[in-house]
């Protein structure tokens, strides 16, 4: 099958420096510093990206921490895979 060449005469380019972007480099995930001690949960969460599900996860963690701090009940719905992989005990921590 033969294709006709595309007409690119109407295509224009915009320099990256002039483009409006939804994401900035500061939103990206961070690389952990190489240290002899393992990361804390707080360290790990702070390394996550501040966009999309990374931001959503940080918000969820914040809500859960606030609920725990105020003595509120935290209910978690889980499926069979969490239990069969032995992760149910991790939810108790």
Protein backbone atom coordinates (compact mmCIF):
# COMPACT_ATOMS: atom_id res chain seq x y z
CA UNK A 1 0.00 0.00 0.00
CA UNK A 2 1.35 3.44 -0.89
CA UNK A 3 0.83 6.52 1.21
CA UNK A 4 0.82 10.14 0.19
CA UNK A 5 3.42 12.29 1.96
CA UNK A 6 2.00 14.43 4.76
CA UNK A 7 1.66 18.14 4.16
CA UNK A 8 3.71 19.74 6.94
CA UNK A 9 3.47 23.28 5.61
CA UNK A 10 1.01 24.29 8.36
CA UNK A 11 3.06 22.84 11.21
CA UNK A 12 4.73 25.33 13.49
CA UNK A 13 7.10 24.78 16.36
CA UNK A 14 7.17 26.47 19.75
CA UNK A 15 10.34 26.62 21.84
CA UNK A 16 10.10 24.65 25.08
CA UNK A 17 10.90 27.80 27.04
CA UNK A 18 7.75 29.45 25.62
CA UNK A 19 5.38 26.54 26.24
CA UNK A 20 2.95 26.45 29.14
CA UNK A 21 3.32 23.13 30.94
CA UNK A 22 1.12 21.33 33.43
CA UNK A 23 4.16 19.74 35.11
CA UNK A 24 7.42 21.19 36.33
CA UNK A 25 10.64 19.43 37.26
CA UNK A 26 9.92 20.17 40.94
CA UNK A 27 6.84 17.89 40.62
CA UNK A 28 8.92 14.86 39.61
CA UNK A 29 9.81 12.03 41.97
CA UNK A 30 13.05 12.56 43.87
CA UNK A 31 16.00 10.22 43.99
CA UNK A 32 16.88 9.16 47.55
CA UNK A 33 20.26 10.12 48.93
CA UNK A 34 22.65 7.23 49.29
CA UNK A 35 22.87 6.61 53.01
CA UNK A 36 23.71 3.71 55.24
CA UNK A 37 20.31 3.75 56.96
CA UNK A 38 17.04 2.74 55.28
CA UNK A 39 14.40 5.31 54.36
CA UNK A 40 11.63 6.11 56.80
CA UNK A 41 8.03 6.09 55.58
CA UNK A 42 8.07 9.91 55.70
CA UNK A 43 11.24 9.95 53.59
CA UNK A 44 9.65 7.62 51.06
CA UNK A 45 6.44 9.66 50.81
CA UNK A 46 8.43 12.88 50.35
CA UNK A 47 10.27 11.28 47.41
CA UNK A 48 7.05 10.52 45.52
CA UNK A 49 6.08 12.73 42.59
CA UNK A 50 3.75 15.62 43.31
CA UNK A 51 1.56 14.84 40.29
CA UNK A 52 -1.16 12.36 39.39
CA UNK A 53 -1.38 9.34 41.74
CA UNK A 54 1.74 10.40 43.66
CA UNK A 55 -0.10 13.54 44.76
CA UNK A 56 -3.28 11.55 45.43
CA UNK A 57 -1.36 9.06 47.60
CA UNK A 58 0.24 11.87 49.63
CA UNK A 59 -3.21 13.36 50.18
CA UNK A 60 -4.61 9.98 51.27
CA UNK A 61 -1.73 9.48 53.72
CA UNK A 62 -2.37 12.96 55.11
CA UNK A 63 -6.06 12.19 55.67
CA UNK A 64 -5.27 8.88 57.35
CA UNK A 65 -2.63 10.49 59.61
CA UNK A 66 -5.06 13.26 60.59
CA UNK A 67 -7.79 10.72 61.38
CA UNK A 68 -5.40 8.65 63.51
CA UNK A 69 -4.19 11.77 65.32
CA UNK A 70 -7.80 12.66 66.18
CA UNK A 71 -8.68 9.14 67.34
CA UNK A 72 -11.03 8.53 64.41
CA UNK A 73 -11.79 5.10 62.99
CA UNK A 74 -9.88 4.20 59.83
CA UNK A 75 -11.63 1.53 57.76
CA UNK A 76 -9.86 -0.18 54.86
CA UNK A 77 -11.51 -2.39 52.27
CA UNK A 78 -9.20 -5.03 50.87
CA UNK A 79 -9.43 -7.85 48.38
CA UNK A 80 -8.17 -11.39 48.50
CA UNK A 81 -4.78 -10.59 46.92
CA UNK A 82 -3.77 -8.41 49.86
CA UNK A 83 -4.55 -11.25 52.27
CA UNK A 84 -3.03 -14.07 50.20
CA UNK A 85 0.21 -12.10 49.84
CA UNK A 86 0.46 -11.71 53.60
CA UNK A 87 -0.01 -7.94 53.60
CA UNK A 88 -3.08 -7.83 55.86
CA UNK A 89 -0.81 -7.64 58.93
CA UNK A 90 0.88 -4.55 57.49
CA UNK A 91 -2.44 -2.72 57.61
CA UNK A 92 -2.50 -3.13 61.41
CA UNK A 93 0.69 -1.15 61.89
